[in-house]
């Protein structure tokens, strides 16, 4: 019996947020999309309404939420995608559109996830560098 071999990926590792934060005087860190204000009181109220129902798996397609958003913004709900963060949505976009050998241009000081998912999907990466 042979086991499947993993693809070899030559990409940087994504390391989340707190790197040098503990050494800084700042009390609020916004680089990881954290809120200085905490959740909205309305969000807390809605959370409390549904908290007892967390024993169920959520709708994996987000149909209810997509239909609600579509109605509010006058969109076709089939054209709305949801993810647990922008990096997951970017991953889906890369899987859908990037083929091995495609060329992707990424700004030098952009979110590292752009480079990681582009490389994972076989793209040739070109770094757009700007002198500051």
C-alpha atoms as a PDB file:
ATOM      1  CA  UNK A   1       0.000   0.000   0.000  1.00  0.00           C
ATOM      2  CA  UNK A   2       1.325   3.437  -0.833  1.00  0.00           C
ATOM      3  CA  UNK A   3       0.247   6.720   0.675  1.00  0.00           C
ATOM      4  CA  UNK A   4      -0.525   9.833  -1.361  1.00  0.00           C
ATOM      5  CA  UNK A   5       2.316  12.311  -1.640  1.00  0.00           C
ATOM      6  CA  UNK A   6       1.723  15.915  -0.659  1.00  0.00           C
ATOM      7  CA  UNK A   7       2.423  18.657  -3.170  1.00  0.00           C
ATOM      8  CA  UNK A   8       5.624  20.525  -2.539  1.00  0.00           C
ATOM      9  CA  UNK A   9       4.739  24.158  -1.910  1.00  0.00           C
ATOM     10  CA  UNK A  10       7.428  26.792  -1.817  1.00  0.00           C
ATOM     11  CA  UNK A  11       5.556  29.619  -0.098  1.00  0.00           C
ATOM     12  CA  UNK A  12       6.042  31.793   2.954  1.00  0.00           C
ATOM     13  CA  UNK A  13       4.249  30.817   6.126  1.00  0.00           C
ATOM     14  CA  UNK A  14       1.447  33.067   7.309  1.00  0.00           C
ATOM     15  CA  UNK A  15       2.025  34.150  10.885  1.00  0.00           C
ATOM     16  CA  UNK A  16      -0.899  35.935  12.484  1.00  0.00           C
ATOM     17  CA  UNK A  17      -0.806  39.197  14.256  1.00  0.00           C
ATOM     18  CA  UNK A  18       0.734  39.637  17.677  1.00  0.00           C
ATOM     19  CA  UNK A  19       4.388  39.627  16.552  1.00  0.00           C
ATOM     20  CA  UNK A  20       5.734  42.842  18.100  1.00  0.00           C
ATOM     21  CA  UNK A  21       2.491  44.066  19.633  1.00  0.00           C
ATOM     22  CA  UNK A  22       3.355  43.086  23.211  1.00  0.00           C
ATOM     23  CA  UNK A  23       6.373  45.380  23.062  1.00  0.00           C
ATOM     24  CA  UNK A  24       4.349  48.425  21.982  1.00  0.00           C
ATOM     25  CA  UNK A  25       2.572  51.036  24.069  1.00  0.00           C
ATOM     26  CA  UNK A  26      -0.607  50.864  21.943  1.00  0.00           C
ATOM     27  CA  UNK A  27      -3.623  49.292  23.608  1.00  0.00           C
ATOM     28  CA  UNK A  28      -5.557  48.626  20.401  1.00  0.00           C
ATOM     29  CA  UNK A  29      -4.224  46.564  17.493  1.00  0.00           C
ATOM     30  CA  UNK A  30      -6.110  46.948  14.220  1.00  0.00           C
ATOM     31  CA  UNK A  31      -3.839  45.046  11.818  1.00  0.00           C
ATOM     32  CA  UNK A  32      -5.770  41.792  12.260  1.00  0.00           C
ATOM     33  CA  UNK A  33      -9.208  43.359  11.762  1.00  0.00           C
ATOM     34  CA  UNK A  34      -9.833  43.564  15.479  1.00  0.00           C
ATOM     35  CA  UNK A  35     -12.338  46.077  16.750  1.00  0.00           C
ATOM     36  CA  UNK A  36     -11.326  48.697  19.280  1.00  0.00           C
ATOM     37  CA  UNK A  37     -14.996  49.026  20.253  1.00  0.00           C
ATOM     38  CA  UNK A  38     -15.945  45.373  20.625  1.00  0.00           C
ATOM     39  CA  UNK A  39     -19.137  43.894  19.222  1.00  0.00           C
ATOM     40  CA  UNK A  40     -22.204  46.013  18.615  1.00  0.00           C
ATOM     41  CA  UNK A  41     -24.863  45.800  21.356  1.00  0.00           C
ATOM     42  CA  UNK A  42     -27.276  44.762  18.582  1.00  0.00           C
ATOM     43  CA  UNK A  43     -24.954  41.892  17.622  1.00  0.00           C
ATOM     44  CA  UNK A  44     -24.766  40.749  21.247  1.00  0.00           C
ATOM     45  CA  UNK A  45     -28.555  40.866  21.485  1.00  0.00           C
ATOM     46  CA  UNK A  46     -28.968  38.773  18.327  1.00  0.00           C
ATOM     47  CA  UNK A  47     -26.286  36.333  19.524  1.00  0.00           C
ATOM     48  CA  UNK A  48     -28.218  35.769  22.745  1.00  0.00           C
ATOM     49  CA  UNK A  49     -31.363  34.977  20.735  1.00  0.00           C
ATOM     50  CA  UNK A  50     -29.683  32.099  18.868  1.00  0.00           C
ATOM     51  CA  UNK A  51     -27.053  30.951  21.381  1.00  0.00           C
ATOM     52  CA  UNK A  52     -29.146  28.011  22.617  1.00  0.00           C
ATOM     53  CA  UNK A  53     -29.339  26.613  19.079  1.00  0.00           C
ATOM     54  CA  UNK A  54     -25.577  26.185  18.578  1.00  0.00           C
ATOM     55  CA  UNK A  55     -25.896  22.418  18.842  1.00  0.00           C
ATOM     56  CA  UNK A  56     -26.831  22.409  15.149  1.00  0.00           C
ATOM     57  CA  UNK A  57     -24.466  22.762  12.236  1.00  0.00           C
ATOM     58  CA  UNK A  58     -24.920  26.049  10.412  1.00  0.00           C
ATOM     59  CA  UNK A  59     -26.211  26.191   6.868  1.00  0.00           C
ATOM     60  CA  UNK A  60     -22.976  25.528   4.978  1.00  0.00           C
ATOM     61  CA  UNK A  61     -24.196  27.540   1.974  1.00  0.00           C
ATOM     62  CA  UNK A  62     -25.264  30.515   4.076  1.00  0.00           C
ATOM     63  CA  UNK A  63     -28.501  30.575   2.083  1.00  0.00           C
ATOM     64  CA  UNK A  64     -30.531  32.499   4.658  1.00  0.00           C
ATOM     65  CA  UNK A  65     -27.830  35.155   5.100  1.00  0.00           C
ATOM     66  CA  UNK A  66     -27.152  35.424   1.360  1.00  0.00           C
ATOM     67  CA  UNK A  67     -30.860  35.877   0.640  1.00  0.00           C
ATOM     68  CA  UNK A  68     -31.128  38.489   3.372  1.00  0.00           C
ATOM     69  CA  UNK A  69     -28.127  40.402   1.976  1.00  0.00           C
ATOM     70  CA  UNK A  70     -29.431  40.057  -1.575  1.00  0.00           C
ATOM     71  CA  UNK A  71     -32.771  41.525  -0.611  1.00  0.00           C
ATOM     72  CA  UNK A  72     -31.213  44.426   1.300  1.00  0.00           C
ATOM     73  CA  UNK A  73     -28.751  45.343  -1.476  1.00  0.00           C
ATOM     74  CA  UNK A  74     -30.893  44.318  -4.490  1.00  0.00           C
ATOM     75  CA  UNK A  75     -28.546  41.553  -5.642  1.00  0.00           C
ATOM     76  CA  UNK A  76     -28.919  38.013  -6.934  1.00  0.00           C
ATOM     77  CA  UNK A  77     -28.219  35.818  -3.886  1.00  0.00           C
ATOM     78  CA  UNK A  78     -26.395  33.320  -6.152  1.00  0.00           C
ATOM     79  CA  UNK A  79     -23.735  35.972  -6.755  1.00  0.00           C
ATOM     80  CA  UNK A  80     -22.864  36.359  -3.064  1.00  0.00           C
ATOM     81  CA  UNK A  81     -20.149  34.242  -1.461  1.00  0.00           C
ATOM     82  CA  UNK A  82     -19.437  33.988   2.232  1.00  0.00           C
ATOM     83  CA  UNK A  83     -16.297  32.982   4.050  1.00  0.00           C
ATOM     84  CA  UNK A  84     -14.741  32.983   7.462  1.00  0.00           C
ATOM     85  CA  UNK A  85     -12.496  35.899   6.564  1.00  0.00           C
ATOM     86  CA  UNK A  86     -11.143  37.467   3.420  1.00  0.00           C
ATOM     87  CA  UNK A  87      -8.339  34.908   3.196  1.00  0.00           C
ATOM     88  CA  UNK A  88     -10.829  32.060   2.777  1.00  0.00           C
ATOM     89  CA  UNK A  89     -12.648  33.946   0.021  1.00  0.00           C
ATOM     90  CA  UNK A  90      -9.329  34.679  -1.687  1.00  0.00           C
ATOM     91  CA  UNK A  91      -8.458  30.976  -1.446  1.00  0.00           C
ATOM     92  CA  UNK A  92     -11.731  30.093  -3.209  1.00  0.00           C
ATOM     93  CA  UNK A  93     -11.048  32.670  -5.927  1.00  0.00           C
ATOM     94  CA  UNK A  94      -7.563  31.258  -6.499  1.00  0.00           C
ATOM     95  CA  UNK A  95      -8.880  27.691  -6.699  1.00  0.00           C
ATOM     96  CA  UNK A  96     -11.512  28.769  -9.198  1.00  0.00           C
ATOM     97  CA  UNK A  97      -9.350  30.869 -11.512  1.00  0.00           C
ATOM     98  CA  UNK A  98      -5.610  30.158 -11.163  1.00  0.00           C
ATOM     99  CA  UNK A  99      -4.125  27.328 -13.183  1.00  0.00           C
ATOM    100  CA  UNK A 100      -0.558  26.037 -12.999  1.00  0.00           C
ATOM    101  CA  UNK A 101       1.750  28.431 -14.799  1.00  0.00           C
ATOM    102  CA  UNK A 102      -0.582  31.447 -14.672  1.00  0.00           C
ATOM    103  CA  UNK A 103       1.096  34.720 -13.796  1.00  0.00           C
ATOM    104  CA  UNK A 104      -0.003  36.694 -10.736  1.00  0.00           C
ATOM    105  CA  UNK A 105       1.212  40.182  -9.853  1.00  0.00           C
ATOM    106  CA  UNK A 106       1.214  40.956  -6.129  1.00  0.00           C
ATOM    107  CA  UNK A 107       2.147  44.281  -4.512  1.00  0.00           C
ATOM    108  CA  UNK A 108       5.214  43.966  -2.286  1.00  0.00           C
ATOM    109  CA  UNK A 109       3.518  45.213   0.889  1.00  0.00           C
ATOM    110  CA  UNK A 110       0.205  43.409   0.505  1.00  0.00           C
ATOM    111  CA  UNK A 111      -1.435  40.657   2.558  1.00  0.00           C
ATOM    112  CA  UNK A 112       0.901  37.635   2.515  1.00  0.00           C
ATOM    113  CA  UNK A 113      -2.065  35.343   1.842  1.00  0.00           C
ATOM    114  CA  UNK A 114      -2.145  36.677  -1.758  1.00  0.00           C
ATOM    115  CA  UNK A 115       1.323  35.238  -2.348  1.00  0.00           C
ATOM    116  CA  UNK A 116       0.679  31.996  -0.453  1.00  0.00           C
ATOM    117  CA  UNK A 117      -2.534  30.993  -2.250  1.00  0.00           C
ATOM    118  CA  UNK A 118      -1.211  32.085  -5.630  1.00  0.00           C
ATOM    119  CA  UNK A 119       1.822  29.816  -5.203  1.00  0.00           C
ATOM    120  CA  UNK A 120      -0.218  26.933  -3.779  1.00  0.00           C
ATOM    121  CA  UNK A 121      -2.305  27.009  -6.955  1.00  0.00           C
ATOM    122  CA  UNK A 122       0.768  26.883  -9.175  1.00  0.00           C
ATOM    123  CA  UNK A 123       1.045  30.502 -10.265  1.00  0.00           C
ATOM    124  CA  UNK A 124       4.253  32.254 -11.219  1.00  0.00           C
ATOM    125  CA  UNK A 125       4.489  35.134  -8.795  1.00  0.00           C
ATOM    126  CA  UNK A 126       5.675  38.611  -9.739  1.00  0.00           C
ATOM    127  CA  UNK A 127       6.283  41.059  -6.919  1.00  0.00           C
ATOM    128  CA  UNK A 128       5.326  44.647  -7.709  1.00  0.00           C
ATOM    129  CA  UNK A 129       7.918  46.724  -5.862  1.00  0.00           C
ATOM    130  CA  UNK A 130       7.656  50.410  -5.236  1.00  0.00           C
ATOM    131  CA  UNK A 131      10.497  52.444  -3.807  1.00  0.00           C
ATOM    132  CA  UNK A 132       9.482  54.499  -0.823  1.00  0.00           C
END
